[in-house]
Amino acid sequence: MVIALVSLKGGVGKSTLAVSLAWEWMATGLKVLVVDADLKRATCRLTAEEATERGRPSPTVVSMGVSLAQRHALPALVSSFDHVVIDTPGGDEEMIRAALRVAELALIPVGQSAADAWSVMDTASLVRDMVNLNPKLSAALVLAKLKPRSRLGLEARRSLKPAQVHILRAQTTDRVAWQECLEAGQGVAQYAPESGAAVELRAMVTELKSLHRQRSTR
């Protein structure tokens, strides 16, 4: 599966999710490529470098710009990996479009505020436009960094229905482990395997696997 973490809004947790998904797939024995397309922040690459310094395993991580959609770039590498995770910069429409040209799934993290719900409509519209160029592309929203035991999460789900994009049942909450794992050079499930954050991540992995299987058989 080629999955692109995308949002026209920054600060929604794309990089943390990209790292945690990739590291978890790697931990299950799959061959994973991470494409760090956020060239300014390079969070995925820096996490991999931290892992190397600490003697910990990491997936293959490469940095690519908008050329990633060209035939000699990412498409030429995809078949060598079980999963490819693309982390895109928030607000960079050109880079997001390039990633969506080669992705099978656009995963759109969104927070629980009204501003997050409003901004995701533009991202969803962009993804729908890209389906015309990439018919294999589908999309899913994931509620991220929710406040635990808050009613806002339920309200956010209702407010996202106009986006007309599948919303994952799995979601993430504002737990410390999500904030600390990157500095340790790990995904959240490797950093704190018994934590609530790890439970959230693994539920997402299971749901993404099921979603991919369903769409592959259509």
Protein backbone atom coordinates (compact mmCIF):
# COMPACT_ATOMS: atom_id res chain seq x y z
CA MET A 1 0.00 0.00 0.00
CA VAL A 2 1.19 3.51 -0.84
CA ILE A 3 -0.23 5.89 1.74
CA ALA A 4 0.21 9.67 1.75
CA LEU A 5 -0.34 11.73 4.90
CA VAL A 6 -1.82 14.99 3.60
CA SER A 7 -3.45 18.17 4.86
CA LEU A 8 -3.56 21.76 3.68
CA LYS A 9 -3.37 22.70 7.37
CA GLY A 10 -0.17 22.32 9.37
CA GLY A 11 0.16 21.03 12.91
CA VAL A 12 -2.29 18.16 12.60
CA GLY A 13 0.21 15.39 13.41
CA LYS A 14 1.01 14.03 9.94
CA SER A 15 4.68 13.33 10.63
CA THR A 16 4.07 11.59 13.95
CA LEU A 17 1.48 9.35 12.32
CA ALA A 18 3.73 8.68 9.34
CA VAL A 19 6.58 7.59 11.60
CA SER A 20 4.40 5.50 13.89
CA LEU A 21 2.65 3.69 11.04
CA ALA A 22 5.93 2.97 9.26
CA TRP A 23 7.77 1.80 12.39
CA GLU A 24 4.86 -0.45 13.37
CA TRP A 25 4.70 -2.09 9.94
CA MET A 26 8.47 -2.59 10.08
CA ALA A 27 8.14 -4.19 13.53
CA THR A 28 5.77 -6.80 12.07
CA GLY A 29 8.41 -7.85 9.53
CA LEU A 30 7.22 -5.86 6.52
CA LYS A 31 9.55 -3.96 4.21
CA VAL A 32 8.70 -0.27 4.51
CA LEU A 33 9.83 2.84 2.65
CA VAL A 34 9.22 6.28 4.16
CA VAL A 35 9.29 9.23 1.78
CA ASP A 36 9.96 12.47 3.62
CA ALA A 37 8.50 15.09 1.30
CA ASP A 38 8.51 17.75 4.01
CA LEU A 39 11.96 18.99 3.06
CA LYS A 40 12.01 21.91 5.50
CA ARG A 41 11.18 19.99 8.68
CA ALA A 42 12.32 16.49 7.59
CA THR A 43 10.80 14.92 10.71
CA CYS A 44 10.81 11.37 9.37
CA ARG A 45 14.45 11.58 8.27
CA LEU A 46 15.51 13.08 11.59
CA THR A 47 13.67 10.34 13.48
CA ALA A 48 15.50 7.70 11.43
CA GLU A 49 18.82 9.42 12.14
CA GLU A 50 18.01 9.42 15.85
CA ALA A 51 17.21 5.72 15.65
CA THR A 52 20.57 5.02 14.01
CA GLU A 53 22.43 6.99 16.68
CA ARG A 54 20.69 4.97 19.40
CA GLY A 55 21.30 1.66 17.64
CA ARG A 56 17.63 1.09 16.91
CA PRO A 57 16.12 -0.23 13.67
CA SER A 58 14.27 2.04 11.28
CA PRO A 59 12.59 1.68 7.89
CA THR A 60 14.28 2.96 4.76
CA VAL A 61 13.80 6.74 4.68
CA VAL A 62 14.41 8.94 1.64
CA SER A 63 13.80 12.63 0.98
CA MET A 64 12.02 13.56 -2.25
CA GLY A 65 10.52 16.74 -3.68
CA VAL A 66 7.77 17.15 -6.24
CA SER A 67 9.71 14.92 -8.64
CA LEU A 68 8.60 11.91 -6.57
CA ALA A 69 5.72 11.33 -9.00
CA GLN A 70 8.02 10.97 -12.00
CA ARG A 71 8.47 7.46 -13.36
CA HIS A 72 12.16 7.23 -12.51
CA ALA A 73 11.56 8.31 -8.90
CA LEU A 74 9.07 6.81 -6.43
CA PRO A 75 7.03 4.67 -8.89
CA ALA A 76 10.23 2.81 -9.74
CA LEU A 77 10.76 1.91 -6.05
CA VAL A 78 7.24 1.00 -4.96
CA SER A 79 7.31 -2.65 -6.01
CA SER A 80 10.33 -3.31 -3.77
CA PHE A 81 8.39 -2.54 -0.57
CA ASP A 82 5.29 -3.86 1.19
CA HIS A 83 4.26 -0.38 2.28
CA VAL A 84 5.28 3.13 1.26
CA VAL A 85 4.47 6.03 3.59
CA ILE A 86 4.70 9.60 2.23
CA ASP A 87 4.85 12.47 4.69
CA THR A 88 3.89 15.77 3.05
CA PRO A 89 4.25 19.33 4.33
CA GLY A 90 1.12 21.13 5.49
CA GLY A 91 -0.13 23.78 3.10
CA ASP A 92 2.16 22.84 0.21
CA GLU A 93 -0.43 22.10 -2.46
CA GLU A 94 2.13 21.33 -5.17
CA MET A 95 3.86 18.71 -3.03
CA ILE A 96 0.56 17.23 -1.90
CA ARG A 97 -0.60 16.90 -5.51
CA ALA A 98 2.64 15.12 -6.41
CA ALA A 99 2.17 12.64 -3.56
CA LEU A 100 -1.46 12.01 -4.49
CA ARG A 101 -0.46 11.15 -8.04
CA VAL A 102 1.26 7.99 -6.77
CA ALA A 103 -0.70 7.16 -3.60
CA GLU A 104 -3.38 4.53 -3.14
CA LEU A 105 -4.70 6.09 0.06
CA ALA A 106 -4.71 9.71 1.20
CA LEU A 107 -4.87 9.71 4.99
CA ILE A 108 -6.01 13.12 6.23
CA PRO A 109 -5.45 13.84 9.94
CA VAL A 110 -7.86 16.38 11.40
CA GLY A 111 -8.23 17.89 14.86
CA GLN A 112 -11.39 18.42 16.85
CA SER A 113 -11.83 22.18 16.50
CA ALA A 114 -14.21 23.90 14.13
CA ALA A 115 -11.22 25.46 12.34
CA ASP A 116 -9.82 21.96 11.68
CA ALA A 117 -13.16 20.78 10.30
CA TRP A 118 -13.43 23.80 8.00
CA SER A 119 -9.88 23.43 6.66
CA VAL A 120 -10.27 19.72 5.92
CA MET A 121 -12.99 20.49 3.38
CA ASP A 122 -10.39 22.06 1.09
CA THR A 123 -8.08 19.05 1.50
CA ALA A 124 -10.93 16.65 0.72
CA SER A 125 -11.81 18.66 -2.38
CA LEU A 126 -8.18 18.52 -3.54
CA VAL A 127 -8.11 14.75 -3.10
CA ARG A 128 -11.32 14.35 -5.12
CA ASP A 129 -9.78 16.43 -7.92
CA MET A 130 -6.71 14.16 -7.94
CA VAL A 131 -8.83 11.03 -8.34
CA ASN A 132 -9.37 12.13 -11.94
CA LEU A 133 -5.61 11.81 -12.50
CA ASN A 134 -5.12 8.79 -10.24
CA PRO A 135 -8.21 6.52 -10.31
CA LYS A 136 -6.71 4.09 -7.77
CA LEU A 137 -6.65 6.84 -5.12
CA SER A 138 -9.04 6.74 -2.16
CA ALA A 139 -9.15 8.80 1.02
CA ALA A 140 -9.86 8.55 4.73
CA LEU A 141 -10.02 11.04 7.56
CA VAL A 142 -8.51 10.27 10.96
CA LEU A 143 -9.30 12.31 14.05
CA ALA A 144 -5.99 13.16 15.70
CA LYS A 145 -4.76 14.65 18.96
CA LEU A 146 -8.18 14.61 20.57
CA LYS A 147 -8.54 15.58 24.21
CA PRO A 148 -9.30 12.38 26.17
CA ARG A 149 -12.82 12.10 27.60
CA SER A 150 -13.94 15.14 25.65
CA ARG A 151 -17.30 15.46 23.91
CA LEU A 152 -15.60 17.41 21.16
CA GLY A 153 -14.49 14.18 19.48
CA LEU A 154 -18.08 13.08 18.87
CA GLU A 155 -19.03 16.54 17.71
CA ALA A 156 -16.03 16.57 15.35
CA ARG A 157 -17.22 13.40 13.66
CA ARG A 158 -20.59 14.98 12.97
CA SER A 159 -19.01 18.16 11.63
CA LEU A 160 -16.82 16.17 9.21
CA LYS A 161 -19.68 14.42 7.41
CA PRO A 162 -19.99 17.20 4.76
CA ALA A 163 -16.46 16.36 3.60
CA GLN A 164 -17.90 13.13 2.12
CA VAL A 165 -14.77 11.18 3.01
CA HIS A 166 -14.62 7.93 4.96
CA ILE A 167 -13.79 8.57 8.63
CA LEU A 168 -11.73 5.92 10.42
CA ARG A 169 -13.10 4.53 13.66
CA ALA A 170 -9.56 4.57 15.02
CA GLN A 171 -8.34 7.91 16.33
CA THR A 172 -5.51 9.36 18.39
CA THR A 173 -5.62 11.35 21.61
CA ASP A 174 -3.33 13.97 23.06
CA ARG A 175 -1.11 11.57 25.01
CA VAL A 176 2.48 12.22 26.09
CA ALA A 177 3.82 9.15 24.26
CA TRP A 178 2.79 10.64 20.90
CA GLN A 179 4.79 13.75 21.76
CA GLU A 180 7.92 11.96 22.97
CA CYS A 181 8.39 9.06 20.56
CA LEU A 182 10.08 10.90 17.68
CA GLU A 183 12.88 12.22 19.85
CA ALA A 184 13.56 8.62 20.88
CA GLY A 185 13.87 7.54 17.24
CA GLN A 186 10.81 5.30 17.43
CA GLY A 187 7.18 5.01 16.52
CA VAL A 188 4.75 5.38 19.39
CA ALA A 189 4.08 1.62 19.68
CA GLN A 190 7.79 0.89 19.99
CA TYR A 191 8.44 3.76 22.38
CA ALA A 192 5.58 2.92 24.74
CA PRO A 193 4.26 -0.53 23.76
CA GLU A 194 1.82 -0.85 26.68
CA SER A 195 0.44 2.69 26.43
CA GLY A 196 -2.94 3.91 25.33
CA ALA A 197 -1.19 5.60 22.42
CA ALA A 198 0.12 2.23 21.23
CA VAL A 199 -3.41 0.81 21.42
CA GLU A 200 -4.66 3.70 19.29
CA LEU A 201 -1.93 3.20 16.70
CA ARG A 202 -2.44 -0.55 16.41
CA ALA A 203 -6.19 -0.09 16.03
CA MET A 204 -5.47 2.25 13.14
CA VAL A 205 -3.07 -0.22 11.52
CA THR A 206 -5.70 -2.96 11.74
CA GLU A 207 -8.39 -0.73 10.26
CA LEU A 208 -6.16 0.46 7.42
CA LYS A 209 -5.33 -3.16 6.57
CA SER A 210 -9.03 -4.03 6.42
CA LEU A 211 -9.83 -0.93 4.37
CA HIS A 212 -7.05 -1.70 1.89
CA ARG A 213 -8.19 -5.31 1.55
CA GLN A 214 -11.78 -4.27 0.86
CA ARG A 215 -10.79 -1.78 -1.83
CA SER A 216 -8.31 -4.16 -3.45
CA THR A 217 -11.07 -6.72 -4.03
CA ARG A 218 -13.46 -4.28 -5.72
